[in-house]
Amino acid sequence: MKVKTLCTRYELNRKEVDDAIRLNNIKQFKERGAWCVTDEDAQTIVDALSMPEPLKPKLLTGRVLASCRNSNWVYVKFDDMDGKHPVLIPRRFKDRLVGKQIRAEVIEDRTGTTYRHEYFARVR
């Protein structure tokens, strides 16, 4: 299938298709003056480009109330929620955040909800 036909049939951007071809190590060949890929490779390109974008983490803003016994955690009162919640923080911020406003990422899984400082969301 011609690459140009692939772009028009599935309404894809040519630059994205070229990137998918390069990333998936797909061989192109020239037929009658046009670049082509096999039908199986064309399906691989369409599948690769139709994957959904990763979800953005949910961030909450709150004020640090106190340190926990474990120095990697602090108690935070979030603006949107009642009560205080433990938040994981980087070790280097251990004694510096009490009384300050921070943002925390919400992590929900089958065992419950945990919170961690937004610094960890940027590092990963």
Protein backbone atom coordinates (compact mmCIF):
# COMPACT_ATOMS: atom_id res chain seq x y z
CA MET A 1 0.00 0.00 0.00
CA LYS A 2 1.28 3.46 -0.83
CA VAL A 3 2.18 5.59 2.16
CA LYS A 4 0.25 8.49 0.68
CA THR A 5 -2.85 6.29 0.33
CA LEU A 6 -2.41 5.10 3.91
CA CYS A 7 -2.40 8.71 5.12
CA THR A 8 -5.53 9.70 3.22
CA ARG A 9 -7.53 6.52 3.93
CA TYR A 10 -7.02 6.61 7.71
CA GLU A 11 -6.78 10.43 7.96
CA LEU A 12 -3.25 10.32 9.38
CA ASN A 13 -0.54 12.97 9.41
CA ARG A 14 2.39 12.11 7.11
CA LYS A 15 4.95 13.11 9.73
CA GLU A 16 3.36 10.80 12.33
CA VAL A 17 3.32 7.95 9.80
CA ASP A 18 7.00 8.50 9.00
CA ASP A 19 7.82 8.47 12.71
CA ALA A 20 5.85 5.23 13.21
CA ILE A 21 7.67 3.64 10.27
CA ARG A 22 11.02 4.61 11.75
CA LEU A 23 10.17 3.51 15.31
CA ASN A 24 8.73 0.14 14.27
CA ASN A 25 11.62 -0.62 11.87
CA ILE A 26 9.29 -1.05 8.91
CA LYS A 27 10.94 -1.50 5.52
CA GLN A 28 9.71 0.71 2.70
CA PHE A 29 10.08 -0.02 -0.97
CA LYS A 30 9.56 2.08 -4.06
CA GLU A 31 6.91 1.02 -6.56
CA ARG A 32 6.14 3.13 -9.64
CA GLY A 33 7.81 6.16 -8.08
CA ALA A 34 5.91 6.05 -4.76
CA TRP A 35 7.01 4.80 -1.36
CA CYS A 36 5.04 1.73 -0.25
CA VAL A 37 4.70 -0.63 2.71
CA THR A 38 3.16 -4.08 2.91
CA ASP A 39 -0.45 -4.47 4.05
CA GLU A 40 0.62 -6.09 7.35
CA ASP A 41 2.99 -3.18 8.04
CA ALA A 42 0.23 -0.72 7.16
CA GLN A 43 -2.01 -2.32 9.81
CA THR A 44 0.86 -2.12 12.31
CA ILE A 45 1.22 1.61 11.61
CA VAL A 46 -2.53 2.22 12.03
CA ASP A 47 -2.57 0.28 15.32
CA ALA A 48 0.47 2.15 16.64
CA LEU A 49 -1.06 5.54 15.87
CA SER A 50 -4.51 4.69 17.25
CA MET A 51 -3.25 4.01 20.79
CA PRO A 52 -4.73 6.43 23.34
CA GLU A 53 -2.62 9.07 25.07
CA PRO A 54 -1.54 8.31 28.64
CA LEU A 55 -3.72 9.84 31.35
CA LYS A 56 -2.48 12.92 33.14
CA PRO A 57 -2.16 12.58 36.91
CA LYS A 58 -4.70 14.32 39.11
CA LEU A 59 -3.04 17.01 41.24
CA LEU A 60 -4.42 18.46 44.48
CA THR A 61 -3.27 21.58 46.31
CA GLY A 62 -2.94 21.68 50.07
CA ARG A 63 -1.04 23.04 53.07
CA VAL A 64 1.50 20.93 54.98
CA LEU A 65 0.43 20.62 58.63
CA ALA A 66 3.21 18.55 60.20
CA SER A 67 5.84 15.88 59.63
CA CYS A 68 5.04 12.23 60.23
CA ARG A 69 7.16 9.86 62.32
CA ASN A 70 8.62 8.59 59.07
CA SER A 71 10.52 11.59 57.71
CA ASN A 72 9.60 10.75 54.09
CA TRP A 73 5.95 11.62 54.78
CA VAL A 74 4.06 14.77 55.83
CA TYR A 75 0.44 15.45 56.78
CA VAL A 76 -1.39 17.72 54.33
CA LYS A 77 -4.81 19.43 54.53
CA PHE A 78 -6.08 19.53 50.94
CA ASP A 79 -8.29 22.41 49.81
CA ASP A 80 -10.93 20.08 48.32
CA MET A 81 -11.01 17.46 51.10
CA ASP A 82 -11.62 17.24 54.84
CA GLY A 83 -9.07 15.94 57.32
CA LYS A 84 -5.34 15.46 57.01
CA HIS A 85 -3.75 13.01 54.58
CA PRO A 86 -0.21 11.59 54.49
CA VAL A 87 1.81 12.59 51.41
CA LEU A 88 5.11 11.06 50.28
CA ILE A 89 7.82 13.70 49.80
CA PRO A 90 11.41 13.63 48.53
CA ARG A 91 14.01 13.15 51.25
CA ARG A 92 15.67 16.48 50.53
CA PHE A 93 12.44 18.34 51.43
CA LYS A 94 12.27 16.58 54.80
CA ASP A 95 12.23 19.58 57.16
CA ARG A 96 11.38 22.40 54.75
CA LEU A 97 7.71 21.98 53.86
CA VAL A 98 5.84 22.48 57.15
CA GLY A 99 3.43 25.41 56.76
CA LYS A 100 3.92 25.63 52.99
CA GLN A 101 1.51 25.12 50.10
CA ILE A 102 2.26 22.02 47.94
CA ARG A 103 0.67 20.05 45.13
CA ALA A 104 0.32 16.29 45.38
CA GLU A 105 -0.45 13.61 42.81
CA VAL A 106 -3.37 11.27 43.56
CA ILE A 107 -2.69 7.55 43.03
CA GLU A 108 -5.70 5.26 43.14
CA ASP A 109 -5.50 1.49 42.92
CA ARG A 110 -7.32 -1.52 44.34
CA THR A 111 -5.64 -1.20 47.75
CA GLY A 112 -6.69 2.43 48.26
CA THR A 113 -5.68 5.99 47.56
CA THR A 114 -2.23 7.41 48.23
CA TYR A 115 -0.71 10.80 47.61
CA ARG A 116 2.79 11.89 46.65
CA HIS A 117 4.50 15.20 46.09
CA GLU A 118 4.33 16.49 42.48
CA TYR A 119 8.15 16.30 42.29
CA PHE A 120 7.84 12.51 41.80
CA ALA A 121 5.40 12.99 38.90
CA ARG A 122 7.93 15.16 37.07
CA VAL A 123 10.91 12.84 37.65
CA ARG A 124 9.32 9.69 36.16
